[in-house]
All heavy atoms as atom14 arrays in JSON, in Angstrom:
{
  "sequence": "RTRDADVIVLNKVEVNEKSIGQAKNLKLVCVTATGTNNLDKEY",
  "atom14_mask": [
    [1, 1, 1, 1, 1, 1, 1, 1, 1, 1, 1, 0, 0, 0],
    [1, 1, 1, 1, 1, 1, 1, 0, 0, 0, 0, 0, 0, 0],
    [1, 1, 1, 1, 1, 1, 1, 1, 1, 1, 1, 0, 0, 0],
    [1, 1, 1, 1, 1, 1, 1, 1, 0, 0, 0, 0, 0, 0],
    [1, 1, 1, 1, 1, 0, 0, 0, 0, 0, 0, 0, 0, 0],
    [1, 1, 1, 1, 1, 1, 1, 1, 0, 0, 0, 0, 0, 0],
    [1, 1, 1, 1, 1, 1, 1, 0, 0, 0, 0, 0, 0, 0],
    [1, 1, 1, 1, 1, 1, 1, 1, 0, 0, 0, 0, 0, 0],
    [1, 1, 1, 1, 1, 1, 1, 0, 0, 0, 0, 0, 0, 0],
    [1, 1, 1, 1, 1, 1, 1, 1, 0, 0, 0, 0, 0, 0],
    [1, 1, 1, 1, 1, 1, 1, 1, 0, 0, 0, 0, 0, 0],
    [1, 1, 1, 1, 1, 1, 1, 1, 1, 0, 0, 0, 0, 0],
    [1, 1, 1, 1, 1, 1, 1, 0, 0, 0, 0, 0, 0, 0],
    [1, 1, 1, 1, 1, 1, 1, 1, 1, 0, 0, 0, 0, 0],
    [1, 1, 1, 1, 1, 1, 1, 0, 0, 0, 0, 0, 0, 0],
    [1, 1, 1, 1, 1, 1, 1, 1, 0, 0, 0, 0, 0, 0],
    [1, 1, 1, 1, 1, 1, 1, 1, 1, 0, 0, 0, 0, 0],
    [1, 1, 1, 1, 1, 1, 1, 1, 1, 0, 0, 0, 0, 0],
    [1, 1, 1, 1, 1, 1, 0, 0, 0, 0, 0, 0, 0, 0],
    [1, 1, 1, 1, 1, 1, 1, 1, 0, 0, 0, 0, 0, 0],
    [1, 1, 1, 1, 0, 0, 0, 0, 0, 0, 0, 0, 0, 0],
    [1, 1, 1, 1, 1, 1, 1, 1, 1, 0, 0, 0, 0, 0],
    [1, 1, 1, 1, 1, 0, 0, 0, 0, 0, 0, 0, 0, 0],
    [1, 1, 1, 1, 1, 1, 1, 1, 1, 0, 0, 0, 0, 0],
    [1, 1, 1, 1, 1, 1, 1, 1, 0, 0, 0, 0, 0, 0],
    [1, 1, 1, 1, 1, 1, 1, 1, 0, 0, 0, 0, 0, 0],
    [1, 1, 1, 1, 1, 1, 1, 1, 1, 0, 0, 0, 0, 0],
    [1, 1, 1, 1, 1, 1, 1, 1, 0, 0, 0, 0, 0, 0],
    [1, 1, 1, 1, 1, 1, 1, 0, 0, 0, 0, 0, 0, 0],
    [1, 1, 1, 1, 1, 1, 0, 0, 0, 0, 0, 0, 0, 0],
    [1, 1, 1, 1, 1, 1, 1, 0, 0, 0, 0, 0, 0, 0],
    [1, 1, 1, 1, 1, 1, 1, 0, 0, 0, 0, 0, 0, 0],
    [1, 1, 1, 1, 1, 0, 0, 0, 0, 0, 0, 0, 0, 0],
    [1, 1, 1, 1, 1, 1, 1, 0, 0, 0, 0, 0, 0, 0],
    [1, 1, 1, 1, 0, 0, 0, 0, 0, 0, 0, 0, 0, 0],
    [1, 1, 1, 1, 1, 1, 1, 0, 0, 0, 0, 0, 0, 0],
    [1, 1, 1, 1, 1, 1, 1, 1, 0, 0, 0, 0, 0, 0],
    [1, 1, 1, 1, 1, 1, 1, 1, 0, 0, 0, 0, 0, 0],
    [1, 1, 1, 1, 1, 1, 1, 1, 0, 0, 0, 0, 0, 0],
    [1, 1, 1, 1, 1, 1, 1, 1, 0, 0, 0, 0, 0, 0],
    [1, 1, 1, 1, 1, 1, 1, 1, 1, 0, 0, 0, 0, 0],
    [1, 1, 1, 1, 1, 1, 1, 1, 1, 0, 0, 0, 0, 0],
    [1, 1, 1, 1, 1, 1, 1, 1, 1, 1, 1, 1, 0, 0]
  ],
  "atom14_positions": [
    [[78.69, 182.75, 75.41], [77.28, 182.84, 75.04], [76.4, 183.43, 76.13], [75.29, 183.9, 75.85], [76.78, 181.45, 74.64], [77.42, 180.95, 73.36], [77.15, 179.48, 73.09], [77.73, 179.06, 71.81], [77.71, 177.82, 71.34], [77.13, 176.86, 72.05], [78.26, 177.54, 70.17], [0.0, 0.0, 0.0], [0.0, 0.0, 0.0], [0.0, 0.0, 0.0]],
    [[76.85, 183.39, 77.36], [76.05, 183.93, 78.47], [76.47, 185.34, 78.86], [75.9, 185.92, 79.79], [76.16, 183.03, 79.72], [77.54, 182.97, 80.15], [75.67, 181.62, 79.43], [0.0, 0.0, 0.0], [0.0, 0.0, 0.0], [0.0, 0.0, 0.0], [0.0, 0.0, 0.0], [0.0, 0.0, 0.0], [0.0, 0.0, 0.0], [0.0, 0.0, 0.0]],
    [[77.43, 185.89, 78.17], [78.02, 187.17, 78.56], [76.96, 188.27, 78.78], [77.04, 189.02, 79.75], [79.02, 187.62, 77.49], [79.85, 188.83, 77.89], [80.72, 189.27, 76.72], [81.7, 188.28, 76.37], [82.93, 188.21, 76.89], [83.3, 189.1, 77.78], [83.77, 187.27, 76.52], [0.0, 0.0, 0.0], [0.0, 0.0, 0.0], [0.0, 0.0, 0.0]],
    [[75.97, 188.37, 77.89], [74.95, 189.42, 78.04], [73.56, 188.83, 78.29], [72.54, 189.46, 78.02], [74.92, 190.3, 76.79], [74.67, 189.5, 75.52], [74.73, 188.26, 75.57], [74.42, 190.13, 74.47], [0.0, 0.0, 0.0], [0.0, 0.0, 0.0], [0.0, 0.0, 0.0], [0.0, 0.0, 0.0], [0.0, 0.0, 0.0], [0.0, 0.0, 0.0]],
    [[73.49, 187.61, 78.84], [72.21, 186.95, 79.08], [71.59, 187.4, 80.4], [72.29, 187.63, 81.4], [72.38, 185.43, 79.09], [0.0, 0.0, 0.0], [0.0, 0.0, 0.0], [0.0, 0.0, 0.0], [0.0, 0.0, 0.0], [0.0, 0.0, 0.0], [0.0, 0.0, 0.0], [0.0, 0.0, 0.0], [0.0, 0.0, 0.0], [0.0, 0.0, 0.0]],
    [[70.27, 187.54, 80.41], [69.53, 187.78, 81.65], [69.08, 186.46, 82.27], [69.01, 186.32, 83.48], [68.3, 188.64, 81.38], [68.66, 190.03, 80.91], [69.16, 190.82, 81.73], [68.47, 190.32, 79.72], [0.0, 0.0, 0.0], [0.0, 0.0, 0.0], [0.0, 0.0, 0.0], [0.0, 0.0, 0.0], [0.0, 0.0, 0.0], [0.0, 0.0, 0.0]],
    [[68.73, 185.52, 81.4], [68.24, 184.2, 81.83], [68.97, 183.14, 81.02], [69.15, 183.29, 79.8], [66.72, 184.07, 81.59], [66.23, 182.67, 81.99], [65.96, 185.14, 82.35], [0.0, 0.0, 0.0], [0.0, 0.0, 0.0], [0.0, 0.0, 0.0], [0.0, 0.0, 0.0], [0.0, 0.0, 0.0], [0.0, 0.0, 0.0], [0.0, 0.0, 0.0]],
    [[69.4, 182.06, 81.67], [69.96, 180.93, 80.94], [69.14, 179.68, 81.27], [68.7, 179.49, 82.4], [71.46, 180.7, 81.22], [71.71, 180.41, 82.7], [72.28, 181.87, 80.75], [73.15, 179.99, 82.99], [0.0, 0.0, 0.0], [0.0, 0.0, 0.0], [0.0, 0.0, 0.0], [0.0, 0.0, 0.0], [0.0, 0.0, 0.0], [0.0, 0.0, 0.0]],
    [[68.92, 178.86, 80.25], [68.19, 177.6, 80.41], [69.12, 176.48, 79.97], [69.72, 176.55, 78.89], [66.9, 177.59, 79.56], [66.09, 176.33, 79.84], [66.06, 178.83, 79.81], [0.0, 0.0, 0.0], [0.0, 0.0, 0.0], [0.0, 0.0, 0.0], [0.0, 0.0, 0.0], [0.0, 0.0, 0.0], [0.0, 0.0, 0.0], [0.0, 0.0, 0.0]],
    [[69.26, 175.47, 80.8], [70.23, 174.41, 80.5], [69.79, 173.09, 81.09], [68.89, 173.02, 81.94], [71.6, 174.8, 81.06], [71.62, 175.05, 82.58], [72.24, 173.88, 83.31], [72.33, 176.34, 82.89], [0.0, 0.0, 0.0], [0.0, 0.0, 0.0], [0.0, 0.0, 0.0], [0.0, 0.0, 0.0], [0.0, 0.0, 0.0], [0.0, 0.0, 0.0]],
    [[70.46, 172.04, 80.62], [70.2, 170.71, 81.13], [71.47, 170.11, 81.73], [71.53, 169.8, 82.92], [69.66, 169.82, 80.01], [69.34, 168.4, 80.46], [69.28, 168.13, 81.66], [69.17, 167.51, 79.52], [0.0, 0.0, 0.0], [0.0, 0.0, 0.0], [0.0, 0.0, 0.0], [0.0, 0.0, 0.0], [0.0, 0.0, 0.0], [0.0, 0.0, 0.0]],
    [[72.52, 169.98, 80.92], [73.72, 169.3, 81.36], [74.95, 170.2, 81.48], [75.98, 169.79, 82.01], [74.04, 168.14, 80.39], [72.93, 167.09, 80.32], [73.3, 165.98, 79.35], [72.19, 164.94, 79.25], [71.93, 164.25, 80.52], [0.0, 0.0, 0.0], [0.0, 0.0, 0.0], [0.0, 0.0, 0.0], [0.0, 0.0, 0.0], [0.0, 0.0, 0.0]],
    [[74.88, 171.41, 80.97], [76.02, 172.32, 81.03], [76.35, 172.67, 82.48], [75.45, 172.94, 83.28], [75.74, 173.61, 80.23], [76.9, 174.59, 80.36], [75.47, 173.29, 78.77], [0.0, 0.0, 0.0], [0.0, 0.0, 0.0], [0.0, 0.0, 0.0], [0.0, 0.0, 0.0], [0.0, 0.0, 0.0], [0.0, 0.0, 0.0], [0.0, 0.0, 0.0]],
    [[77.62, 172.65, 82.83], [78.03, 173.01, 84.18], [77.9, 174.52, 84.39], [78.28, 175.31, 83.52], [79.47, 172.56, 84.44], [79.63, 171.05, 84.52], [81.01, 170.64, 85.0], [81.83, 171.52, 85.29], [81.25, 169.43, 85.06], [0.0, 0.0, 0.0], [0.0, 0.0, 0.0], [0.0, 0.0, 0.0], [0.0, 0.0, 0.0], [0.0, 0.0, 0.0]],
    [[77.35, 174.89, 85.54], [77.18, 176.3, 85.88], [78.14, 176.62, 87.01], [77.96, 176.19, 88.15], [75.73, 176.6, 86.29], [75.59, 178.06, 86.7], [74.78, 176.28, 85.16], [0.0, 0.0, 0.0], [0.0, 0.0, 0.0], [0.0, 0.0, 0.0], [0.0, 0.0, 0.0], [0.0, 0.0, 0.0], [0.0, 0.0, 0.0], [0.0, 0.0, 0.0]],
    [[79.18, 177.37, 86.69], [80.19, 177.75, 87.68], [80.81, 179.06, 87.25], [80.38, 179.68, 86.28], [81.24, 176.64, 87.82], [81.78, 176.18, 86.48], [81.99, 177.0, 85.58], [82.02, 174.89, 86.32], [0.0, 0.0, 0.0], [0.0, 0.0, 0.0], [0.0, 0.0, 0.0], [0.0, 0.0, 0.0], [0.0, 0.0, 0.0], [0.0, 0.0, 0.0]],
    [[81.83, 179.47, 87.97], [82.45, 180.77, 87.66], [83.04, 180.79, 86.26], [83.02, 181.81, 85.57], [83.52, 181.08, 88.7], [84.11, 182.47, 88.55], [84.99, 182.87, 89.71], [85.26, 182.0, 90.58], [85.41, 184.04, 89.76], [0.0, 0.0, 0.0], [0.0, 0.0, 0.0], [0.0, 0.0, 0.0], [0.0, 0.0, 0.0], [0.0, 0.0, 0.0]],
    [[83.55, 179.64, 85.82], [84.16, 179.58, 84.5], [83.14, 179.76, 83.39], [83.4, 180.41, 82.37], [84.89, 178.25, 84.32], [85.73, 178.16, 83.07], [86.53, 176.86, 83.04], [87.4, 176.78, 81.78], [88.17, 175.51, 81.74], [0.0, 0.0, 0.0], [0.0, 0.0, 0.0], [0.0, 0.0, 0.0], [0.0, 0.0, 0.0], [0.0, 0.0, 0.0]],
    [[81.94, 179.22, 83.58], [80.94, 179.26, 82.51], [80.06, 180.51, 82.54], [79.56, 180.94, 81.5], [80.05, 178.02, 82.56], [79.37, 177.93, 83.79], [0.0, 0.0, 0.0], [0.0, 0.0, 0.0], [0.0, 0.0, 0.0], [0.0, 0.0, 0.0], [0.0, 0.0, 0.0], [0.0, 0.0, 0.0], [0.0, 0.0, 0.0], [0.0, 0.0, 0.0]],
    [[79.84, 181.11, 83.72], [78.96, 182.29, 83.79], [79.62, 183.48, 84.48], [78.94, 184.46, 84.8], [77.63, 181.95, 84.49], [77.87, 181.59, 85.97], [76.88, 180.84, 83.78], [76.6, 181.56, 86.8], [0.0, 0.0, 0.0], [0.0, 0.0, 0.0], [0.0, 0.0, 0.0], [0.0, 0.0, 0.0], [0.0, 0.0, 0.0], [0.0, 0.0, 0.0]],
    [[80.92, 183.39, 84.7], [81.62, 184.46, 85.42], [81.51, 185.81, 84.76], [81.58, 186.85, 85.44], [0.0, 0.0, 0.0], [0.0, 0.0, 0.0], [0.0, 0.0, 0.0], [0.0, 0.0, 0.0], [0.0, 0.0, 0.0], [0.0, 0.0, 0.0], [0.0, 0.0, 0.0], [0.0, 0.0, 0.0], [0.0, 0.0, 0.0], [0.0, 0.0, 0.0]],
    [[81.36, 185.83, 83.44], [81.28, 187.1, 82.71], [79.84, 187.55, 82.47], [79.61, 188.6, 81.87], [82.01, 186.97, 81.38], [83.48, 186.6, 81.52], [84.14, 186.44, 80.16], [84.32, 187.41, 79.43], [84.51, 185.22, 79.82], [0.0, 0.0, 0.0], [0.0, 0.0, 0.0], [0.0, 0.0, 0.0], [0.0, 0.0, 0.0], [0.0, 0.0, 0.0]],
    [[78.87, 186.76, 82.94], [77.46, 187.08, 82.7], [76.97, 188.05, 83.77], [76.33, 187.67, 84.75], [76.63, 185.8, 82.7], [0.0, 0.0, 0.0], [0.0, 0.0, 0.0], [0.0, 0.0, 0.0], [0.0, 0.0, 0.0], [0.0, 0.0, 0.0], [0.0, 0.0, 0.0], [0.0, 0.0, 0.0], [0.0, 0.0, 0.0], [0.0, 0.0, 0.0]],
    [[77.27, 189.31, 83.58], [76.98, 190.33, 84.6], [75.49, 190.65, 84.74], [75.06, 191.15, 85.78], [77.75, 191.62, 84.28], [79.26, 191.42, 84.14], [79.88, 190.78, 85.38], [81.38, 190.6, 85.23], [81.96, 189.86, 86.38], [0.0, 0.0, 0.0], [0.0, 0.0, 0.0], [0.0, 0.0, 0.0], [0.0, 0.0, 0.0], [0.0, 0.0, 0.0]],
    [[74.68, 190.36, 83.72], [73.25, 190.67, 83.77], [72.41, 189.51, 84.26], [71.18, 189.63, 84.37], [72.75, 191.08, 82.38], [73.42, 192.33, 81.87], [73.82, 193.2, 82.64], [73.58, 192.43, 80.55], [0.0, 0.0, 0.0], [0.0, 0.0, 0.0], [0.0, 0.0, 0.0], [0.0, 0.0, 0.0], [0.0, 0.0, 0.0], [0.0, 0.0, 0.0]],
    [[73.02, 188.37, 84.54], [72.28, 187.14, 84.82], [71.41, 187.27, 86.07], [71.88, 187.62, 87.14], [73.27, 185.97, 84.99], [72.66, 184.57, 85.02], [71.91, 184.28, 83.72], [73.75, 183.54, 85.24], [0.0, 0.0, 0.0], [0.0, 0.0, 0.0], [0.0, 0.0, 0.0], [0.0, 0.0, 0.0], [0.0, 0.0, 0.0], [0.0, 0.0, 0.0]],
    [[70.12, 186.95, 85.92], [69.16, 187.03, 87.02], [68.54, 185.67, 87.36], [68.06, 185.48, 88.47], [68.0, 187.98, 86.65], [68.42, 189.36, 86.2], [69.08, 190.15, 87.32], [69.28, 191.61, 86.92], [70.03, 191.78, 85.67], [0.0, 0.0, 0.0], [0.0, 0.0, 0.0], [0.0, 0.0, 0.0], [0.0, 0.0, 0.0], [0.0, 0.0, 0.0]],
    [[68.5, 184.78, 86.39], [67.78, 183.52, 86.6], [68.49, 182.37, 85.87], [68.87, 182.51, 84.71], [66.34, 183.65, 86.07], [65.44, 182.42, 86.13], [65.19, 182.01, 87.57], [64.11, 182.7, 85.43], [0.0, 0.0, 0.0], [0.0, 0.0, 0.0], [0.0, 0.0, 0.0], [0.0, 0.0, 0.0], [0.0, 0.0, 0.0], [0.0, 0.0, 0.0]],
    [[68.69, 181.27, 86.58], [69.26, 180.04, 86.01], [68.17, 178.98, 86.06], [67.69, 178.63, 87.15], [70.5, 179.57, 86.79], [71.01, 178.26, 86.21], [71.59, 180.63, 86.77], [0.0, 0.0, 0.0], [0.0, 0.0, 0.0], [0.0, 0.0, 0.0], [0.0, 0.0, 0.0], [0.0, 0.0, 0.0], [0.0, 0.0, 0.0], [0.0, 0.0, 0.0]],
    [[67.75, 178.48, 84.91], [66.7, 177.46, 84.84], [67.34, 176.11, 84.46], [67.97, 176.0, 83.41], [65.66, 177.82, 83.79], [64.9, 179.42, 84.05], [0.0, 0.0, 0.0], [0.0, 0.0, 0.0], [0.0, 0.0, 0.0], [0.0, 0.0, 0.0], [0.0, 0.0, 0.0], [0.0, 0.0, 0.0], [0.0, 0.0, 0.0], [0.0, 0.0, 0.0]],
    [[67.15, 175.11, 85.32], [67.71, 173.78, 85.09], [66.57, 172.85, 84.71], [65.63, 172.66, 85.49], [68.45, 173.26, 86.34], [69.12, 171.92, 86.04], [69.49, 174.27, 86.8], [0.0, 0.0, 0.0], [0.0, 0.0, 0.0], [0.0, 0.0, 0.0], [0.0, 0.0, 0.0], [0.0, 0.0, 0.0], [0.0, 0.0, 0.0], [0.0, 0.0, 0.0]],
    [[66.65, 172.24, 83.53], [65.57, 171.36, 83.07], [65.78, 169.92, 83.5], [64.94, 169.06, 83.24], [65.46, 171.41, 81.53], [66.67, 170.92, 80.96], [65.21, 172.82, 81.05], [0.0, 0.0, 0.0], [0.0, 0.0, 0.0], [0.0, 0.0, 0.0], [0.0, 0.0, 0.0], [0.0, 0.0, 0.0], [0.0, 0.0, 0.0], [0.0, 0.0, 0.0]],
    [[66.9, 169.62, 84.16], [67.19, 168.26, 84.6], [66.57, 167.99, 85.96], [66.11, 168.9, 86.65], [68.71, 168.05, 84.67], [0.0, 0.0, 0.0], [0.0, 0.0, 0.0], [0.0, 0.0, 0.0], [0.0, 0.0, 0.0], [0.0, 0.0, 0.0], [0.0, 0.0, 0.0], [0.0, 0.0, 0.0], [0.0, 0.0, 0.0], [0.0, 0.0, 0.0]],
    [[66.56, 166.7, 86.37], [66.03, 166.33, 87.68], [67.04, 166.56, 88.78], [66.68, 166.73, 89.94], [65.62, 164.85, 87.69], [66.73, 164.06, 87.27], [64.45, 164.61, 86.77], [0.0, 0.0, 0.0], [0.0, 0.0, 0.0], [0.0, 0.0, 0.0], [0.0, 0.0, 0.0], [0.0, 0.0, 0.0], [0.0, 0.0, 0.0], [0.0, 0.0, 0.0]],
    [[68.32, 166.57, 88.45], [69.36, 166.78, 89.45], [70.0, 168.15, 89.32], [69.74, 168.89, 88.37], [0.0, 0.0, 0.0], [0.0, 0.0, 0.0], [0.0, 0.0, 0.0], [0.0, 0.0, 0.0], [0.0, 0.0, 0.0], [0.0, 0.0, 0.0], [0.0, 0.0, 0.0], [0.0, 0.0, 0.0], [0.0, 0.0, 0.0], [0.0, 0.0, 0.0]],
    [[70.85, 168.48, 90.27], [71.52, 169.78, 90.26], [73.02, 169.63, 90.48], [73.68, 170.56, 90.94], [70.93, 170.71, 91.34], [71.03, 170.06, 92.62], [69.48, 171.03, 91.07], [0.0, 0.0, 0.0], [0.0, 0.0, 0.0], [0.0, 0.0, 0.0], [0.0, 0.0, 0.0], [0.0, 0.0, 0.0], [0.0, 0.0, 0.0], [0.0, 0.0, 0.0]],
    [[73.56, 168.45, 90.14], [74.98, 168.21, 90.36], [75.87, 169.1, 89.51], [77.05, 169.29, 89.81], [75.33, 166.74, 90.06], [74.72, 165.8, 91.07], [74.14, 166.24, 92.05], [74.84, 164.52, 90.83], [0.0, 0.0, 0.0], [0.0, 0.0, 0.0], [0.0, 0.0, 0.0], [0.0, 0.0, 0.0], [0.0, 0.0, 0.0], [0.0, 0.0, 0.0]],
    [[75.32, 169.65, 88.43], [76.12, 170.49, 87.54], [76.14, 171.96, 87.97], [76.69, 172.8, 87.28], [75.61, 170.37, 86.09], [74.14, 170.71, 85.96], [73.37, 170.51, 86.9], [73.74, 171.19, 84.81], [0.0, 0.0, 0.0], [0.0, 0.0, 0.0], [0.0, 0.0, 0.0], [0.0, 0.0, 0.0], [0.0, 0.0, 0.0], [0.0, 0.0, 0.0]],
    [[75.53, 172.26, 89.12], [75.5, 173.64, 89.6], [76.51, 173.84, 90.73], [76.52, 173.09, 91.71], [74.11, 174.0, 90.13], [72.93, 173.88, 89.17], [71.66, 174.35, 89.86], [73.17, 174.68, 87.9], [0.0, 0.0, 0.0], [0.0, 0.0, 0.0], [0.0, 0.0, 0.0], [0.0, 0.0, 0.0], [0.0, 0.0, 0.0], [0.0, 0.0, 0.0]],
    [[77.35, 174.85, 90.59], [78.23, 175.25, 91.67], [77.42, 176.19, 92.57], [77.36, 177.4, 92.35], [79.47, 175.97, 91.11], [80.47, 176.34, 92.19], [80.09, 176.4, 93.37], [81.65, 176.6, 91.85], [0.0, 0.0, 0.0], [0.0, 0.0, 0.0], [0.0, 0.0, 0.0], [0.0, 0.0, 0.0], [0.0, 0.0, 0.0], [0.0, 0.0, 0.0]],
    [[76.78, 175.61, 93.58], [75.82, 176.38, 94.38], [76.49, 177.46, 95.21], [75.93, 178.53, 95.45], [75.01, 175.42, 95.25], [74.25, 174.39, 94.42], [73.57, 173.37, 95.29], [73.06, 172.21, 94.45], [74.14, 171.37, 93.89], [0.0, 0.0, 0.0], [0.0, 0.0, 0.0], [0.0, 0.0, 0.0], [0.0, 0.0, 0.0], [0.0, 0.0, 0.0]],
    [[77.71, 177.17, 95.69], [78.42, 178.18, 96.48], [78.68, 179.42, 95.64], [78.53, 180.56, 96.1], [79.74, 177.6, 97.01], [79.54, 176.57, 98.1], [80.86, 176.11, 98.68], [81.91, 176.72, 98.36], [80.87, 175.14, 99.45], [0.0, 0.0, 0.0], [0.0, 0.0, 0.0], [0.0, 0.0, 0.0], [0.0, 0.0, 0.0], [0.0, 0.0, 0.0]],
    [[79.08, 179.2, 94.39], [79.34, 180.34, 93.51], [78.04, 181.09, 93.2], [78.01, 182.33, 93.2], [79.98, 179.87, 92.21], [80.15, 180.98, 91.2], [81.05, 182.01, 91.42], [79.37, 181.01, 90.05], [81.18, 183.06, 90.52], [79.5, 182.05, 89.14], [80.41, 183.07, 89.38], [80.53, 184.1, 88.49], [0.0, 0.0, 0.0], [0.0, 0.0, 0.0]]
  ]
}
């Protein structure tokens, strides 16, 4: 679903190479949660 996305908005979905590795146009990740444990920050 993120393959051709420029922006993704999420709450609980994990953001890592497996989930956004093919999203070549991605410019912005918006997290609506209070924490960021679901983000692979190194990636």
